PDB file of N, CA and C in Angstrom:
ATOM      1  N   MET A   1     108.238  64.848  88.100  1.00  0.00           N
ATOM      2  CA  MET A   1     107.442  65.999  88.285  1.00  0.00           C
ATOM      3  C   MET A   1     107.512  66.961  87.166  1.00  0.00           C
ATOM      4  N   GLY A   2     106.691  67.654  86.758  1.00  0.00           N
ATOM      5  CA  GLY A   2     106.692  68.542  85.585  1.00  0.00           C
ATOM      6  C   GLY A   2     107.075  69.969  86.165  1.00  0.00           C
ATOM      7  N   SER A   3     107.014  70.780  85.143  1.00  0.00           N
ATOM      8  CA  SER A   3     107.262  72.351  85.412  1.00  0.00           C
ATOM      9  C   SER A   3     106.035  73.065  84.842  1.00  0.00           C
ATOM     10  N   VAL A   4     106.060  74.286  85.508  1.00  0.00           N
ATOM     11  CA  VAL A   4     104.843  75.184  85.020  1.00  0.00           C
ATOM     12  C   VAL A   4     105.734  76.430  84.492  1.00  0.00           C
ATOM     13  N   ALA A   5     105.383  77.120  83.408  1.00  0.00           N
ATOM     14  CA  ALA A   5     106.062  78.253  82.965  1.00  0.00           C
ATOM     15  C   ALA A   5     105.131  79.420  82.643  1.00  0.00           C
ATOM     16  N   ARG A   6     105.380  80.678  82.617  1.00  0.00           N
ATOM     17  CA  ARG A   6     104.716  81.921  82.303  1.00  0.00           C
ATOM     18  C   ARG A   6     105.316  82.407  81.220  1.00  0.00           C
ATOM     19  N   VAL A   7     104.477  83.156  80.459  1.00  0.00           N
ATOM     20  CA  VAL A   7     105.027  84.037  79.309  1.00  0.00           C
ATOM     21  C   VAL A   7     104.548  85.496  79.626  1.00  0.00           C
ATOM     22  N   THR A   8     105.533  86.396  79.284  1.00  0.00           N
ATOM     23  CA  THR A   8     105.244  87.760  79.529  1.00  0.00           C
ATOM     24  C   THR A   8     105.747  88.392  78.418  1.00  0.00           C
ATOM     25  N   THR A   9     104.990  89.572  77.992  1.00  0.00           N
ATOM     26  CA  THR A   9     105.388  90.333  76.825  1.00  0.00           C
ATOM     27  C   THR A   9     106.179  91.476  77.219  1.00  0.00           C
ATOM     28  N   ILE A  10     107.252  91.747  76.273  1.00  0.00           N
ATOM     29  CA  ILE A  10     108.205  92.950  76.625  1.00  0.00           C
ATOM     30  C   ILE A  10     108.532  93.478  75.284  1.00  0.00           C
ATOM     31  N   THR A  11     108.778  94.769  75.257  1.00  0.00           N
ATOM     32  CA  THR A  11     109.367  95.359  74.069  1.00  0.00           C
ATOM     33  C   THR A  11     110.633  96.119  74.265  1.00  0.00           C
ATOM     34  N   SER A  12     111.434  95.988  73.369  1.00  0.00           N
ATOM     35  CA  SER A  12     112.785  96.568  73.342  1.00  0.00           C
ATOM     36  C   SER A  12     113.221  97.287  72.074  1.00  0.00           C
ATOM     37  N   ARG A  13     114.021  98.260  72.188  1.00  0.00           N
ATOM     38  CA  ARG A  13     114.346  99.077  71.201  1.00  0.00           C
ATOM     39  C   ARG A  13     116.015  99.333  71.029  1.00  0.00           C
ATOM     40  N   SER A  14     116.446  99.333  69.773  1.00  0.00           N
ATOM     41  CA  SER A  14     118.019  99.546  69.523  1.00  0.00           C
ATOM     42  C   SER A  14     118.078 100.596  68.506  1.00  0.00           C
ATOM     43  N   ASP A  15     119.306 101.231  68.466  1.00  0.00           N
ATOM     44  CA  ASP A  15     119.685 102.170  67.573  1.00  0.00           C
ATOM     45  C   ASP A  15     120.630 101.488  66.576  1.00  0.00           C
ATOM     46  N   ARG A  16     120.762 100.140  66.643  1.00  0.00           N
ATOM     47  CA  ARG A  16     121.689  99.492  65.854  1.00  0.00           C
ATOM     48  C   ARG A  16     121.106  98.391  64.986  1.00  0.00           C
ATOM     49  N   SER A  17     120.280  97.468  65.651  1.00  0.00           N
ATOM     50  CA  SER A  17     119.687  96.490  64.854  1.00  0.00           C
ATOM     51  C   SER A  17     118.640  95.753  65.539  1.00  0.00           C
ATOM     52  N   PHE A  18     117.923  94.687  64.700  1.00  0.00           N
ATOM     53  CA  PHE A  18     116.883  93.881  65.280  1.00  0.00           C
ATOM     54  C   PHE A  18     117.649  92.948  66.358  1.00  0.00           C
ATOM     55  N   GLU A  19     118.913  92.410  65.932  1.00  0.00           N
ATOM     56  CA  GLU A  19     119.456  91.472  66.836  1.00  0.00           C
ATOM     57  C   GLU A  19     120.097  92.239  68.107  1.00  0.00           C
ATOM     58  N   ASP A  20     120.458  93.426  68.114  1.00  0.00           N
ATOM     59  CA  ASP A  20     120.724  94.118  69.338  1.00  0.00           C
ATOM     60  C   ASP A  20     119.341  94.290  70.253  1.00  0.00           C
ATOM     61  N   ALA A  21     118.313  94.696  69.525  1.00  0.00           N
ATOM     62  CA  ALA A  21     116.995  94.779  70.376  1.00  0.00           C
ATOM     63  C   ALA A  21     116.783  93.626  71.012  1.00  0.00           C
ATOM     64  N   VAL A  22     116.893  92.500  70.404  1.00  0.00           N
ATOM     65  CA  VAL A  22     116.576  91.272  70.967  1.00  0.00           C
ATOM     66  C   VAL A  22     117.447  90.736  72.170  1.00  0.00           C
ATOM     67  N   SER A  23     118.789  91.226  72.051  1.00  0.00           N
ATOM     68  CA  SER A  23     119.636  90.751  72.905  1.00  0.00           C
ATOM     69  C   SER A  23     119.512  91.722  74.291  1.00  0.00           C
ATOM     70  N   THR A  24     119.059  92.973  73.991  1.00  0.00           N
ATOM     71  CA  THR A  24     118.991  94.024  74.992  1.00  0.00           C
ATOM     72  C   THR A  24     117.643  93.555  75.807  1.00  0.00           C
ATOM     73  N   GLY A  25     116.643  93.252  75.153  1.00  0.00           N
ATOM     74  CA  GLY A  25     115.522  92.880  75.849  1.00  0.00           C
ATOM     75  C   GLY A  25     115.585  91.391  76.625  1.00  0.00           C
ATOM     76  N   VAL A  26     116.247  90.409  76.103  1.00  0.00           N
ATOM     77  CA  VAL A  26     116.429  89.383  76.808  1.00  0.00           C
ATOM     78  C   VAL A  26     117.240  89.562  78.041  1.00  0.00           C
ATOM     79  N   SER A  27     118.374  90.186  77.933  1.00  0.00           N
ATOM     80  CA  SER A  27     119.336  90.669  79.067  1.00  0.00           C
ATOM     81  C   SER A  27     118.691  91.401  80.214  1.00  0.00           C
ATOM     82  N   ARG A  28     117.623  92.357  79.697  1.00  0.00           N
ATOM     83  CA  ARG A  28     116.961  93.069  80.732  1.00  0.00           C
ATOM     84  C   ARG A  28     116.003  92.124  81.473  1.00  0.00           C
ATOM     85  N   ALA A  29     115.375  91.295  80.593  1.00  0.00           N
ATOM     86  CA  ALA A  29     114.462  90.449  81.217  1.00  0.00           C
ATOM     87  C   ALA A  29     114.890  89.399  82.455  1.00  0.00           C
ATOM     88  N   THR A  30     116.159  89.049  82.020  1.00  0.00           N
ATOM     89  CA  THR A  30     116.910  88.068  82.889  1.00  0.00           C
ATOM     90  C   THR A  30     117.358  88.778  84.384  1.00  0.00           C
ATOM     91  N   GLU A  31     117.440  90.259  84.213  1.00  0.00           N
ATOM     92  CA  GLU A  31     117.556  90.869  85.475  1.00  0.00           C
ATOM     93  C   GLU A  31     116.524  90.915  86.556  1.00  0.00           C
ATOM     94  N   THR A  32     115.198  90.802  85.888  1.00  0.00           N
ATOM     95  CA  THR A  32     114.118  90.773  86.867  1.00  0.00           C
ATOM     96  C   THR A  32     113.457  89.483  86.895  1.00  0.00           C
ATOM     97  N   LEU A  33     113.334  88.597  85.942  1.00  0.00           N
ATOM     98  CA  LEU A  33     112.748  87.280  85.881  1.00  0.00           C
ATOM     99  C   LEU A  33     113.571  86.097  86.155  1.00  0.00           C
ATOM    100  N   ARG A  34     113.332  85.348  86.973  1.00  0.00           N
ATOM    101  CA  ARG A  34     114.156  84.115  87.214  1.00  0.00           C
ATOM    102  C   ARG A  34     113.869  83.157  86.321  1.00  0.00           C
ATOM    103  N   ASN A  35     114.720  82.159  85.912  1.00  0.00           N
ATOM    104  CA  ASN A  35     114.635  80.946  85.151  1.00  0.00           C
ATOM    105  C   ASN A  35     113.974  81.279  83.947  1.00  0.00           C
ATOM    106  N   VAL A  36     114.471  82.351  83.177  1.00  0.00           N
ATOM    107  CA  VAL A  36     114.164  82.556  81.787  1.00  0.00           C
ATOM    108  C   VAL A  36     114.668  81.451  81.019  1.00  0.00           C
ATOM    109  N   SER A  37     113.715  80.854  80.042  1.00  0.00           N
ATOM    110  CA  SER A  37     114.057  79.784  79.309  1.00  0.00           C
ATOM    111  C   SER A  37     114.086  79.876  77.716  1.00  0.00           C
ATOM    112  N   GLY A  38     113.582  81.094  77.372  1.00  0.00           N
ATOM    113  CA  GLY A  38     113.365  81.288  76.089  1.00  0.00           C
ATOM    114  C   GLY A  38     112.725  82.530  75.700  1.00  0.00           C
ATOM    115  N   ALA A  39     112.641  82.956  74.425  1.00  0.00           N
ATOM    116  CA  ALA A  39     111.983  84.140  73.920  1.00  0.00           C
ATOM    117  C   ALA A  39     111.517  83.869  72.446  1.00  0.00           C
ATOM    118  N   TRP A  40     110.377  84.384  72.138  1.00  0.00           N
ATOM    119  CA  TRP A  40     109.838  84.443  70.926  1.00  0.00           C
ATOM    120  C   TRP A  40     109.679  85.851  70.192  1.00  0.00           C
ATOM    121  N   VAL A  41     110.275  86.168  69.205  1.00  0.00           N
ATOM    122  CA  VAL A  41     110.100  87.460  68.669  1.00  0.00           C
ATOM    123  C   VAL A  41     108.670  87.591  67.923  1.00  0.00           C
ATOM    124  N   LYS A  42     107.660  88.148  68.470  1.00  0.00           N
ATOM    125  CA  LYS A  42     106.524  88.325  68.023  1.00  0.00           C
ATOM    126  C   LYS A  42     106.287  89.387  67.039  1.00  0.00           C
ATOM    127  N   GLU A  43     107.062  90.367  67.073  1.00  0.00           N
ATOM    128  CA  GLU A  43     106.884  91.519  66.040  1.00  0.00           C
ATOM    129  C   GLU A  43     108.213  92.192  66.097  1.00  0.00           C
ATOM    130  N   GLN A  44     108.508  92.779  64.803  1.00  0.00           N
ATOM    131  CA  GLN A  44     109.501  93.585  64.497  1.00  0.00           C
ATOM    132  C   GLN A  44     109.017  94.945  63.744  1.00  0.00           C
ATOM    133  N   LYS A  45     109.641  96.063  64.214  1.00  0.00           N
ATOM    134  CA  LYS A  45     109.197  97.336  63.556  1.00  0.00           C
ATOM    135  C   LYS A  45     110.581  98.302  63.516  1.00  0.00           C
ATOM    136  N   VAL A  46     110.390  98.979  62.469  1.00  0.00           N
ATOM    137  CA  VAL A  46     111.645  99.893  62.255  1.00  0.00           C
ATOM    138  C   VAL A  46     111.003 101.450  62.448  1.00  0.00           C
ATOM    139  N   GLU A  47     111.813 102.376  62.913  1.00  0.00           N
ATOM    140  CA  GLU A  47     111.479 103.720  62.980  1.00  0.00           C
ATOM    141  C   GLU A  47     112.233 104.424  61.795  1.00  0.00           C
ATOM    142  N   VAL A  48     111.512 105.290  60.969  1.00  0.00           N
ATOM    143  CA  VAL A  48     112.197 105.795  59.799  1.00  0.00           C
ATOM    144  C   VAL A  48     112.053 107.418  59.815  1.00  0.00           C
ATOM    145  N   ALA A  49     113.249 108.228  59.552  1.00  0.00           N
ATOM    146  CA  ALA A  49     113.032 109.492  59.540  1.00  0.00           C
ATOM    147  C   ALA A  49     113.901 109.939  58.385  1.00  0.00           C
ATOM    148  N   ASP A  50     113.230 110.747  57.454  1.00  0.00           N
ATOM    149  CA  ASP A  50     113.833 111.231  56.141  1.00  0.00           C
ATOM    150  C   ASP A  50     114.592 109.994  55.263  1.00  0.00           C
ATOM    151  N   GLY A  51     113.772 108.928  55.233  1.00  0.00           N
ATOM    152  CA  GLY A  51     114.173 107.943  54.504  1.00  0.00           C
ATOM    153  C   GLY A  51     115.170 107.065  54.993  1.00  0.00           C
ATOM    154  N   THR A  52     115.448 107.152  56.288  1.00  0.00           N
ATOM    155  CA  THR A  52     116.616 106.525  56.834  1.00  0.00           C
ATOM    156  C   THR A  52     115.895 105.787  58.091  1.00  0.00           C
ATOM    157  N   ILE A  53     116.624 104.383  58.307  1.00  0.00           N
ATOM    158  CA  ILE A  53     116.090 103.633  59.553  1.00  0.00           C
ATOM    159  C   ILE A  53     116.772 104.330  60.779  1.00  0.00           C
ATOM    160  N   THR A  54     115.932 104.806  61.732  1.00  0.00           N
ATOM    161  CA  THR A  54     116.654 105.381  62.982  1.00  0.00           C
ATOM    162  C   THR A  54     116.547 104.458  64.161  1.00  0.00           C
ATOM    163  N   GLY A  55     115.855 103.523  64.193  1.00  0.00           N
ATOM    164  CA  GLY A  55     115.678 102.718  65.242  1.00  0.00           C
ATOM    165  C   GLY A  55     114.883 101.332  64.852  1.00  0.00           C
ATOM    166  N   TRP A  56     115.055 100.203  65.779  1.00  0.00           N
ATOM    167  CA  TRP A  56     114.702  98.918  65.479  1.00  0.00           C
ATOM    168  C   TRP A  56     114.097  98.425  66.721  1.00  0.00           C
ATOM    169  N   SER A  57     112.796  98.076  66.619  1.00  0.00           N
ATOM    170  CA  SER A  57     112.192  97.612  67.895  1.00  0.00           C
ATOM    171  C   SER A  57     111.613  96.331  67.693  1.00  0.00           C
ATOM    172  N   VAL A  58     111.600  95.517  68.764  1.00  0.00           N
ATOM    173  CA  VAL A  58     111.017  94.134  68.797  1.00  0.00           C
ATOM    174  C   VAL A  58     109.945  94.086  69.987  1.00  0.00           C
ATOM    175  N   THR A  59     108.921  93.206  69.688  1.00  0.00           N
ATOM    176  CA  THR A  59     108.128  92.735  70.836  1.00  0.00           C
ATOM    177  C   THR A  59     108.408  91.326  71.120  1.00  0.00           C
ATOM    178  N   LEU A  60     108.859  90.987  72.294  1.00  0.00           N
ATOM    179  CA  LEU A  60     109.135  89.546  72.653  1.00  0.00           C
ATOM    180  C   LEU A  60     108.231  88.905  73.613  1.00  0.00           C
ATOM    181  N   GLU A  61     107.952  87.772  73.501  1.00  0.00           N
ATOM    182  CA  GLU A  61     107.181  86.898  74.390  1.00  0.00           C
ATOM    183  C   GLU A  61     108.204  86.099  75.173  1.00  0.00           C
ATOM    184  N   VAL A  62     108.578  86.471  76.459  1.00  0.00           N
ATOM    185  CA  VAL A  62     109.700  85.729  77.126  1.00  0.00           C
ATOM    186  C   VAL A  62     108.812  84.629  78.101  1.00  0.00           C
ATOM    187  N   THR A  63     109.597  83.419  77.870  1.00  0.00           N
ATOM    188  CA  THR A  63     109.082  82.325  78.819  1.00  0.00           C
ATOM    189  C   THR A  63     109.948  82.252  80.092  1.00  0.00           C
ATOM    190  N   PHE A  64     109.379  81.942  81.291  1.00  0.00           N
ATOM    191  CA  PHE A  64     110.301  81.699  82.302  1.00  0.00           C
ATOM    192  C   PHE A  64     109.501  80.622  83.128  1.00  0.00           C
ATOM    193  N   VAL A  65     110.348  79.652  83.884  1.00  0.00           N
ATOM    194  CA  VAL A  65     109.814  78.689  84.553  1.00  0.00           C
ATOM    195  C   VAL A  65     109.493  79.056  86.025  1.00  0.00           C
ATOM    196  N   LEU A  66     108.292  78.879  86.498  1.00  0.00           N
ATOM    197  CA  LEU A  66     108.092  79.355  87.846  1.00  0.00           C
ATOM    198  C   LEU A  66     108.727  78.459  88.819  1.00  0.00           C
ATOM    199  N   ASP A  67     109.035  79.020  90.096  1.00  0.00           N
ATOM    200  CA  ASP A  67     109.604  78.204  91.196  1.00  0.00           C
ATOM    201  C   ASP A  67     108.677  77.354  91.590  1.00  0.00           C
TER     202      ASP A  67
END
């Protein structure tokens, strides 16, 4: 028998890096969603103030297998 998955879009932000933003997003998704099987980074953005990067944001497509 096969399986069925669903994809949901979330955004996550970090004060440190893109990697941290992704890790934070996936970690938070697994607190709410069961059977998370992967995530695709759909978009990356940085926030800039006075010529300095002040934040990193990612939009993630999180895949989870339905029960």
